[in-house]
């Protein structure tokens, strides 16, 4: 098996990975970016708007996707996973599996004819299950690569997609392929995920139809949303009264998640403001323990929500129950008055906290970095730069701890800078000689 050599291996193609890869590529380093999903973009590309500016999230992330996709110094491996990593003579050897799409991306034009012909319908992950997708599908409108994927777990092998493909790009005999990579440094941007709210049984998540999480509300509000307006899942009714539960899955030692996830207050406030614009007659109430508006302009953003009529109730939500008409009965304690209150809502949103993505244990041990009790990557104890997690290994984004998009991008740039310094210090002479050879 031939070994492809790069300066830096970036693991994860969300906003942090794309930012770091672009920064390193712009500095002249050769970068290979490995993303496990069929498209780069991560969580950010599925969001509605960003706080506190309410700029379009996709409008910010899509140009970054395009930059990464067409950068001369970046090799992109999507739908791929790092199986293991080992360190030899100061360099990293990684084994990467490229999963079979059963479609050749170089031949696929993204015409969607296979998707239209496919008779199988399953829940659409990008749209949080609110609508369906086909077994042959393009992940989302702005995906890169804009290539179809055949979901073999749900495919019935009817051949409809293959018959209508104008470029004969579909290949059911395609197999997973493994590739050996060599890199002088590794940058980890594996991202995060929402706390699984079904663990908080009192809230009835996935059992009560009209109890959703914050990322599901993002899809209902996004410009690329599945419906023309915000509708509740059970019956398609436009909600007139929406309740938010903050610190859902955060600051709760009984769930093994005792820390503040930082962004939940602010994304809930952002959504409340957007809801007031999308549904002018809606009543929005946010039940909170503490409002933590920690960033520049965040306190003003919170005050704007108050002025717009968003109600804030300090207290703890005890449980949620479904009524016959689909409404949700919320029982909570108002800690300002000391009273137990019951209130009905058309729709309840759980502001779920953030957890790190599960790390590959083999790769973790080989790369030599440590994680805390929750699973977030810890910086080296003997280094000033918080982005260096072991010698030659750097990390940024939600994998190192909960943070907003602004801090994620800043940390990604810092990690790229630290990585570049490491490369210059340890491989500067070798790199200079390589550049001279290429010029001759």
Protein backbone atom coordinates (compact mmCIF):
# COMPACT_ATOMS: atom_id res chain seq x y z
CA UNK A 1 0.00 0.00 0.00
CA UNK A 2 1.50 3.34 -1.03
CA UNK A 3 1.78 6.05 1.61
CA UNK A 4 0.62 9.58 0.76
CA UNK A 5 2.65 12.23 2.57
CA UNK A 6 1.29 15.50 3.97
CA UNK A 7 2.46 18.14 6.41
CA UNK A 8 -0.68 18.12 8.59
CA UNK A 9 -3.54 15.70 9.13
CA UNK A 10 -6.75 17.51 10.20
CA UNK A 11 -9.42 15.22 11.66
CA UNK A 12 -12.91 16.71 11.41
CA UNK A 13 -14.48 18.93 8.74
CA UNK A 14 -16.70 21.25 10.77
CA UNK A 15 -16.11 24.99 11.06
CA UNK A 16 -13.01 24.47 13.27
CA UNK A 17 -11.47 21.92 10.91
CA UNK A 18 -12.19 24.00 7.83
CA UNK A 19 -10.78 27.16 9.44
CA UNK A 20 -7.60 25.42 10.63
CA UNK A 21 -7.07 23.61 7.31
CA UNK A 22 -7.52 26.86 5.35
CA UNK A 23 -5.11 28.75 7.62
CA UNK A 24 -2.45 26.04 7.27
CA UNK A 25 -3.02 25.75 3.52
CA UNK A 26 -2.66 29.49 3.10
CA UNK A 27 0.71 29.25 4.89
CA UNK A 28 1.86 26.76 2.26
CA UNK A 29 1.51 23.54 4.23
CA UNK A 30 0.03 20.48 2.56
CA UNK A 31 -3.06 19.40 4.48
CA UNK A 32 -5.28 16.32 4.36
CA UNK A 33 -8.71 16.89 5.91
CA UNK A 34 -10.63 13.76 6.97
CA UNK A 35 -14.40 14.05 7.60
CA UNK A 36 -16.60 11.11 8.61
CA UNK A 37 -19.81 12.51 7.08
CA UNK A 38 -20.55 12.55 3.31
CA UNK A 39 -20.04 16.35 3.29
CA UNK A 40 -17.93 18.88 5.15
CA UNK A 41 -19.67 21.71 7.03
CA UNK A 42 -20.38 20.22 10.44
CA UNK A 43 -23.11 21.49 12.74
CA UNK A 44 -22.83 25.14 11.75
CA UNK A 45 -24.06 24.67 8.19
CA UNK A 46 -27.38 23.33 9.54
CA UNK A 47 -28.03 26.29 11.86
CA UNK A 48 -30.42 29.17 11.26
CA UNK A 49 -28.49 32.30 12.28
CA UNK A 50 -25.62 33.11 14.63
CA UNK A 51 -25.82 35.18 17.80
CA UNK A 52 -25.66 38.06 18.60
CA UNK A 53 -25.59 39.45 15.05
CA UNK A 54 -28.30 37.13 13.63
CA UNK A 55 -26.22 36.71 10.47
CA UNK A 56 -27.09 33.71 8.30
CA UNK A 57 -25.05 30.71 9.51
CA UNK A 58 -25.02 29.00 6.12
CA UNK A 59 -23.93 32.26 4.44
CA UNK A 60 -20.84 32.25 6.66
CA UNK A 61 -19.99 28.56 6.45
CA UNK A 62 -20.76 27.89 2.76
CA UNK A 63 -17.93 30.14 1.44
CA UNK A 64 -15.57 28.37 3.84
CA UNK A 65 -16.72 25.02 2.41
CA UNK A 66 -15.98 26.30 -1.10
CA UNK A 67 -12.53 27.58 -0.06
CA UNK A 68 -11.56 24.24 1.46
CA UNK A 69 -12.97 22.29 -1.49
CA UNK A 70 -10.91 24.20 -4.06
CA UNK A 71 -7.74 24.96 -2.08
CA UNK A 72 -4.63 23.75 -3.90
CA UNK A 73 -2.93 22.71 -0.65
CA UNK A 74 -5.86 20.78 0.87
CA UNK A 75 -6.72 17.17 0.08
CA UNK A 76 -10.29 16.39 1.15
CA UNK A 77 -11.39 12.91 2.24
CA UNK A 78 -15.12 12.86 3.05
CA UNK A 79 -17.14 9.87 4.25
CA UNK A 80 -13.88 8.66 5.77
CA UNK A 81 -12.66 7.63 9.20
CA UNK A 82 -9.24 7.47 10.83
CA UNK A 83 -8.96 3.84 11.94
CA UNK A 84 -5.67 4.11 13.78
CA UNK A 85 -2.59 6.29 14.12
CA UNK A 86 0.96 5.41 15.12
CA UNK A 87 4.03 7.56 15.61
CA UNK A 88 7.27 6.57 13.89
CA UNK A 89 10.50 8.58 13.89
CA UNK A 90 8.70 11.77 14.89
CA UNK A 91 6.01 11.49 12.21
CA UNK A 92 2.46 10.14 12.29
CA UNK A 93 1.26 7.23 10.19
CA UNK A 94 -2.53 7.02 9.88
CA UNK A 95 -4.76 4.38 8.36
CA UNK A 96 -7.92 5.92 6.89
CA UNK A 97 -11.00 4.05 5.67
CA UNK A 98 -12.95 5.68 2.86
CA UNK A 99 -16.45 4.26 3.07
CA UNK A 100 -18.21 3.21 -0.11
CA UNK A 101 -20.77 5.73 -1.36
CA UNK A 102 -21.83 3.30 -4.09
CA UNK A 103 -21.61 6.38 -6.28
CA UNK A 104 -18.48 7.67 -8.00
CA UNK A 105 -18.29 11.36 -6.92
CA UNK A 106 -16.19 12.34 -9.92
CA UNK A 107 -18.98 11.17 -12.24
CA UNK A 108 -22.00 12.33 -10.19
CA UNK A 109 -23.48 15.68 -11.27
CA UNK A 110 -25.84 16.05 -8.31
CA UNK A 111 -28.84 16.08 -10.65
CA UNK A 112 -31.04 14.32 -8.01
CA UNK A 113 -32.59 11.96 -10.57
CA UNK A 114 -31.59 8.95 -8.46
CA UNK A 115 -33.21 10.56 -5.42
CA UNK A 116 -36.41 11.23 -7.34
CA UNK A 117 -36.57 7.66 -8.65
CA UNK A 118 -35.86 5.93 -5.33
CA UNK A 119 -39.06 4.51 -3.74
CA UNK A 120 -37.65 4.25 -0.20
CA UNK A 121 -38.29 7.02 2.35
CA UNK A 122 -36.48 7.27 5.71
CA UNK A 123 -36.03 10.12 8.25
CA UNK A 124 -33.68 12.87 7.03
CA UNK A 125 -30.78 13.32 9.48
CA UNK A 126 -29.88 16.82 8.28
CA UNK A 127 -33.46 17.99 8.89
CA UNK A 128 -33.57 16.27 12.28
CA UNK A 129 -36.15 13.72 11.14
CA UNK A 130 -38.92 16.28 10.47
CA UNK A 131 -39.07 15.21 6.82
CA UNK A 132 -37.83 12.19 4.91
CA UNK A 133 -35.04 11.46 2.49
CA UNK A 134 -34.56 8.66 -0.01
CA UNK A 135 -32.15 5.74 0.25
CA UNK A 136 -30.34 7.38 -2.69
CA UNK A 137 -29.80 11.00 -1.71
CA UNK A 138 -27.64 14.12 -1.73
CA UNK A 139 -27.01 15.02 1.96
CA UNK A 140 -28.25 18.65 1.64
CA UNK A 141 -28.46 21.44 -0.93
CA UNK A 142 -25.07 23.02 -0.21
CA UNK A 143 -23.20 19.76 0.42
CA UNK A 144 -19.65 19.28 -0.80
CA UNK A 145 -18.97 17.10 -2.57
CA UNK A 146 -22.39 17.48 -4.17
CA UNK A 147 -22.56 13.79 -4.81
CA UNK A 148 -25.28 11.28 -4.06
CA UNK A 149 -24.86 8.53 -1.48
CA UNK A 150 -26.63 5.17 -1.49
CA UNK A 151 -27.81 4.22 2.01
CA UNK A 152 -27.35 0.47 1.72
CA UNK A 153 -28.98 -0.17 5.11
CA UNK A 154 -32.32 1.02 3.70
CA UNK A 155 -31.85 0.24 0.00
CA UNK A 156 -34.18 -2.43 -1.43
CA UNK A 157 -31.94 -2.99 -4.49
CA UNK A 158 -34.70 -2.23 -6.97
CA UNK A 159 -32.21 -0.64 -9.37
CA UNK A 160 -34.38 2.43 -10.03
CA UNK A 161 -31.56 4.85 -9.22
CA UNK A 162 -29.07 3.05 -11.44
CA UNK A 163 -31.44 3.03 -14.40
CA UNK A 164 -32.03 6.81 -14.36
CA UNK A 165 -28.46 7.95 -13.64
CA UNK A 166 -27.36 9.90 -16.77
CA UNK A 167 -23.61 9.41 -16.11
CA UNK A 168 -23.63 5.79 -14.87
CA UNK A 169 -22.10 7.00 -11.61
CA UNK A 170 -23.84 4.41 -9.41
CA UNK A 171 -21.81 1.30 -8.58
CA UNK A 172 -23.29 -1.24 -6.17
CA UNK A 173 -20.06 -3.25 -6.30
CA UNK A 174 -18.04 -0.42 -4.79
CA UNK A 175 -16.22 -1.39 -1.58
CA UNK A 176 -14.65 0.45 1.35
CA UNK A 177 -11.06 1.42 0.65
CA UNK A 178 -8.17 1.96 3.04
CA UNK A 179 -5.44 4.51 2.58
CA UNK A 180 -2.17 4.99 4.44
CA UNK A 181 -1.24 8.59 5.25
CA UNK A 182 1.88 10.16 6.67
CA UNK A 183 1.85 13.55 8.42
CA UNK A 184 4.30 15.52 10.50
CA UNK A 185 1.56 16.95 12.75
CA UNK A 186 -2.06 16.20 13.62
CA UNK A 187 -4.84 18.71 14.33
CA UNK A 188 -7.99 17.32 15.98
CA UNK A 189 -11.29 19.12 15.37
CA UNK A 190 -13.72 16.26 15.96
CA UNK A 191 -16.47 18.55 17.29
CA UNK A 192 -19.32 17.89 19.66
CA UNK A 193 -22.90 16.67 19.90
CA UNK A 194 -26.01 17.45 21.89
CA UNK A 195 -26.58 15.80 25.24
CA UNK A 196 -28.97 12.82 24.69
CA UNK A 197 -32.09 14.24 26.33
CA UNK A 198 -33.78 10.83 26.55
CA UNK A 199 -31.52 10.27 29.58
CA UNK A 200 -33.56 12.93 31.41
CA UNK A 201 -36.71 10.81 31.58
CA UNK A 202 -38.81 13.51 33.31
CA UNK A 203 -38.74 15.58 30.12
CA UNK A 204 -40.19 12.85 27.90
CA UNK A 205 -37.92 13.54 24.94
CA UNK A 206 -38.75 11.20 22.00
CA UNK A 207 -41.88 10.10 23.87
CA UNK A 208 -43.79 13.41 23.90
CA UNK A 209 -44.26 14.49 20.26
CA UNK A 210 -44.08 18.22 20.92
CA UNK A 211 -40.93 18.19 23.02
CA UNK A 212 -37.91 18.89 20.79
CA UNK A 213 -34.28 19.87 21.30
CA UNK A 214 -32.51 23.08 20.33
CA UNK A 215 -30.99 21.70 17.13
CA UNK A 216 -34.42 20.61 15.92
CA UNK A 217 -35.70 24.15 16.47
CA UNK A 218 -32.71 25.42 14.48
CA UNK A 219 -33.92 23.42 11.48
CA UNK A 220 -37.46 24.76 11.88
CA UNK A 221 -36.09 28.32 11.78
CA UNK A 222 -33.34 27.94 9.16
CA UNK A 223 -33.71 29.46 5.67
CA UNK A 224 -33.40 25.90 4.29
CA UNK A 225 -36.03 24.66 6.76
CA UNK A 226 -38.21 21.66 5.94
CA UNK A 227 -41.52 23.62 6.20
CA UNK A 228 -42.66 27.08 5.14
CA UNK A 229 -43.02 28.15 8.76
CA UNK A 230 -42.52 26.85 12.28
CA UNK A 231 -44.86 23.90 12.86
CA UNK A 232 -45.10 21.53 15.78
CA UNK A 233 -44.33 17.88 14.95
CA UNK A 234 -47.50 16.15 16.19
CA UNK A 235 -50.13 17.79 13.99
CA UNK A 236 -48.54 20.58 11.95
CA UNK A 237 -50.15 23.28 14.09
CA UNK A 238 -48.47 26.69 14.22
CA UNK A 239 -47.53 27.01 17.91
CA UNK A 240 -48.93 30.01 19.75
CA UNK A 241 -47.12 29.36 23.01
CA UNK A 242 -43.58 27.99 23.22
CA UNK A 243 -41.62 27.15 26.36
CA UNK A 244 -37.85 26.71 26.68
CA UNK A 245 -36.06 24.65 29.33
CA UNK A 246 -32.48 25.82 29.85
CA UNK A 247 -29.67 23.74 31.37
CA UNK A 248 -31.32 20.60 29.98
CA UNK A 249 -28.57 18.04 30.40
CA UNK A 250 -26.10 20.61 31.74
CA UNK A 251 -25.14 21.54 35.32
CA UNK A 252 -26.61 18.24 36.49
CA UNK A 253 -24.23 16.01 38.43
CA UNK A 254 -26.85 13.23 38.56
CA UNK A 255 -26.48 12.88 34.78
CA UNK A 256 -22.69 12.97 34.94
CA UNK A 257 -22.67 16.34 33.22
CA UNK A 258 -22.04 18.96 35.93
CA UNK A 259 -20.65 21.83 33.84
CA UNK A 260 -22.22 24.77 32.01
CA UNK A 261 -22.37 24.26 28.23
CA UNK A 262 -21.99 28.04 27.70
CA UNK A 263 -23.98 28.41 24.48
CA UNK A 264 -27.44 27.15 25.55
CA UNK A 265 -28.64 30.46 27.01
CA UNK A 266 -27.58 32.40 23.96
CA UNK A 267 -28.89 30.07 21.27
CA UNK A 268 -32.23 29.91 23.12
CA UNK A 269 -32.41 33.71 23.26
CA UNK A 270 -31.51 33.87 19.55
CA UNK A 271 -34.25 31.39 18.70
CA UNK A 272 -36.76 33.29 20.82
CA UNK A 273 -35.98 36.51 18.92
CA UNK A 274 -36.28 34.71 15.58
CA UNK A 275 -39.58 33.14 16.66
CA UNK A 276 -40.98 36.56 17.54
CA UNK A 277 -40.20 37.63 13.99
CA UNK A 278 -41.44 34.46 12.28
CA UNK A 279 -44.63 34.16 14.38
CA UNK A 280 -45.67 37.68 15.45
CA UNK A 281 -48.43 36.43 17.78
CA UNK A 282 -46.34 33.81 19.56
CA UNK A 283 -45.64 33.87 23.31
CA UNK A 284 -42.18 32.61 24.24
CA UNK A 285 -41.17 31.80 27.83
CA UNK A 286 -37.64 30.80 28.81
CA UNK A 287 -37.24 28.88 32.08
CA UNK A 288 -33.70 29.32 33.32
CA UNK A 289 -31.39 28.70 36.28
CA UNK A 290 -29.02 31.57 35.45
CA UNK A 291 -28.65 33.61 32.25
CA UNK A 292 -25.00 33.53 31.26
CA UNK A 293 -24.50 36.18 28.56
CA UNK A 294 -20.70 36.11 28.65
CA UNK A 295 -19.53 37.51 25.31
CA UNK A 296 -19.29 40.84 23.54
CA UNK A 297 -22.77 42.14 22.83
CA UNK A 298 -24.43 39.16 24.51
CA UNK A 299 -25.93 41.07 27.43
CA UNK A 300 -27.40 43.59 24.98
CA UNK A 301 -28.79 40.68 22.95
CA UNK A 302 -30.48 39.34 26.07
CA UNK A 303 -31.93 42.80 26.85
CA UNK A 304 -33.24 42.99 23.28
CA UNK A 305 -35.15 39.73 23.82
CA UNK A 306 -36.67 41.12 27.03
CA UNK A 307 -37.72 44.30 25.24
CA UNK A 308 -39.32 42.25 22.46
CA UNK A 309 -41.55 40.51 24.98
CA UNK A 310 -39.77 37.22 25.61
CA UNK A 311 -40.63 36.15 29.16
CA UNK A 312 -37.88 34.87 31.45
CA UNK A 313 -38.81 32.75 34.47
CA UNK A 314 -36.11 31.79 36.97
CA UNK A 315 -36.57 28.31 38.32
CA UNK A 316 -36.26 24.59 37.78
CA UNK A 317 -38.50 22.52 35.54
CA UNK A 318 -39.56 19.30 37.29
CA UNK A 319 -41.33 17.36 34.54
CA UNK A 320 -43.25 17.50 31.28
CA UNK A 321 -46.42 15.59 30.43
CA UNK A 322 -48.41 15.22 27.22
CA UNK A 323 -52.08 16.24 27.14
CA UNK A 324 -54.74 14.70 24.90
CA UNK A 325 -54.67 17.55 22.37
CA UNK A 326 -50.87 17.30 22.02
CA UNK A 327 -50.10 20.26 24.30
CA UNK A 328 -47.36 19.87 26.89
CA UNK A 329 -48.01 20.45 30.59
CA UNK A 330 -44.91 21.81 32.31
CA UNK A 331 -44.51 21.61 36.06
CA UNK A 332 -41.83 23.89 37.46
CA UNK A 333 -40.68 25.78 40.52
CA UNK A 334 -40.44 29.56 40.30
CA UNK A 335 -37.44 30.24 42.55
CA UNK A 336 -38.22 33.96 42.72
CA UNK A 337 -41.65 33.35 44.29
CA UNK A 338 -41.06 29.90 45.76
CA UNK A 339 -44.24 28.59 44.11
CA UNK A 340 -44.83 25.41 42.11
CA UNK A 341 -46.38 26.36 38.77
CA UNK A 342 -48.12 24.34 36.03
CA UNK A 343 -48.28 25.82 32.54
CA UNK A 344 -49.49 24.51 29.17
CA UNK A 345 -47.42 25.00 25.99
CA UNK A 346 -48.03 24.11 22.37
CA UNK A 347 -44.35 23.27 21.99
CA UNK A 348 -41.45 22.83 24.43
CA UNK A 349 -37.78 23.18 23.43
CA UNK A 350 -35.04 21.57 25.52
CA UNK A 351 -31.85 23.62 25.39
CA UNK A 352 -29.61 20.56 25.44
CA UNK A 353 -26.02 20.87 26.55
CA UNK A 354 -22.87 19.90 24.64
CA UNK A 355 -20.84 16.70 24.80
CA UNK A 356 -17.67 15.84 22.84
CA UNK A 357 -17.84 13.40 19.96
CA UNK A 358 -16.65 9.93 20.96
CA UNK A 359 -12.95 9.55 20.29
CA UNK A 360 -11.29 6.56 18.66
CA UNK A 361 -9.57 4.88 21.61
CA UNK A 362 -6.75 3.44 19.49
CA UNK A 363 -6.02 6.84 17.94
CA UNK A 364 -6.25 8.56 21.32
CA UNK A 365 -3.64 6.31 22.86
CA UNK A 366 -1.32 6.61 19.87
CA UNK A 367 -1.57 10.40 19.72
CA UNK A 368 -0.89 10.62 23.44
CA UNK A 369 -3.46 13.20 24.49
CA UNK A 370 -5.66 13.06 27.59
CA UNK A 371 -9.36 13.73 28.10
CA UNK A 372 -11.25 14.90 31.17
CA UNK A 373 -14.01 12.95 32.94
CA UNK A 374 -16.56 14.09 30.34
CA UNK A 375 -14.38 13.30 27.33
CA UNK A 376 -13.15 16.77 26.30
CA UNK A 377 -9.52 16.94 25.16
CA UNK A 378 -7.14 18.42 27.75
CA UNK A 379 -4.16 20.63 26.84
CA UNK A 380 -0.62 19.59 27.71
CA UNK A 381 0.35 20.48 31.25
CA UNK A 382 3.85 21.60 30.19
CA UNK A 383 2.88 24.02 27.43
CA UNK A 384 1.64 27.60 27.36
CA UNK A 385 -0.42 27.15 24.20
CA UNK A 386 -3.74 25.60 25.20
CA UNK A 387 -4.22 24.15 21.71
CA UNK A 388 -1.26 21.73 21.96
CA UNK A 389 -2.43 18.48 23.54
CA UNK A 390 0.69 16.35 23.03
CA UNK A 391 3.90 16.67 21.02
CA UNK A 392 2.92 17.40 17.43
CA UNK A 393 -0.79 17.06 18.19
CA UNK A 394 -3.12 20.05 18.41
CA UNK A 395 -6.86 20.44 19.03
CA UNK A 396 -9.59 23.04 18.60
CA UNK A 397 -13.36 23.42 18.58
CA UNK A 398 -16.05 21.68 20.59
CA UNK A 399 -13.77 18.70 21.15
CA UNK A 400 -11.81 20.73 23.72
CA UNK A 401 -14.88 22.13 25.50
CA UNK A 402 -18.19 23.94 24.91
CA UNK A 403 -17.82 27.25 23.09
CA UNK A 404 -19.58 29.51 20.62
CA UNK A 405 -18.73 29.87 16.94
CA UNK A 406 -16.58 33.00 17.46
CA UNK A 407 -14.39 31.24 20.03
CA UNK A 408 -14.30 28.08 17.90
CA UNK A 409 -12.91 29.98 14.92
CA UNK A 410 -10.41 31.86 17.10
CA UNK A 411 -9.22 28.62 18.69
CA UNK A 412 -8.91 26.95 15.28
CA UNK A 413 -6.69 29.80 14.06
CA UNK A 414 -4.63 29.59 17.27
CA UNK A 415 -4.21 25.83 16.80
CA UNK A 416 -3.12 26.35 13.18
CA UNK A 417 -0.59 28.97 14.32
CA UNK A 418 0.79 26.67 17.03
CA UNK A 419 0.96 23.82 14.53
CA UNK A 420 2.85 26.02 12.04
CA UNK A 421 5.35 27.01 14.76
CA UNK A 422 5.88 23.36 15.61
CA UNK A 423 6.44 22.52 11.95
CA UNK A 424 8.94 25.34 11.50
CA UNK A 425 10.86 24.39 14.64
CA UNK A 426 11.03 20.65 13.92
CA UNK A 427 10.91 20.39 10.14
CA UNK A 428 11.93 23.84 8.91
CA UNK A 429 15.21 22.78 7.30
CA UNK A 430 13.64 19.74 5.66
CA UNK A 431 10.79 21.87 4.33
CA UNK A 432 13.15 24.52 2.94
CA UNK A 433 15.11 21.85 1.09
CA UNK A 434 11.89 20.40 -0.35
CA UNK A 435 10.78 23.83 -1.64
CA UNK A 436 14.20 24.35 -3.26
CA UNK A 437 14.00 20.96 -4.97
CA UNK A 438 10.56 21.83 -6.37
CA UNK A 439 11.84 25.17 -7.71
CA UNK A 440 14.86 23.62 -9.45
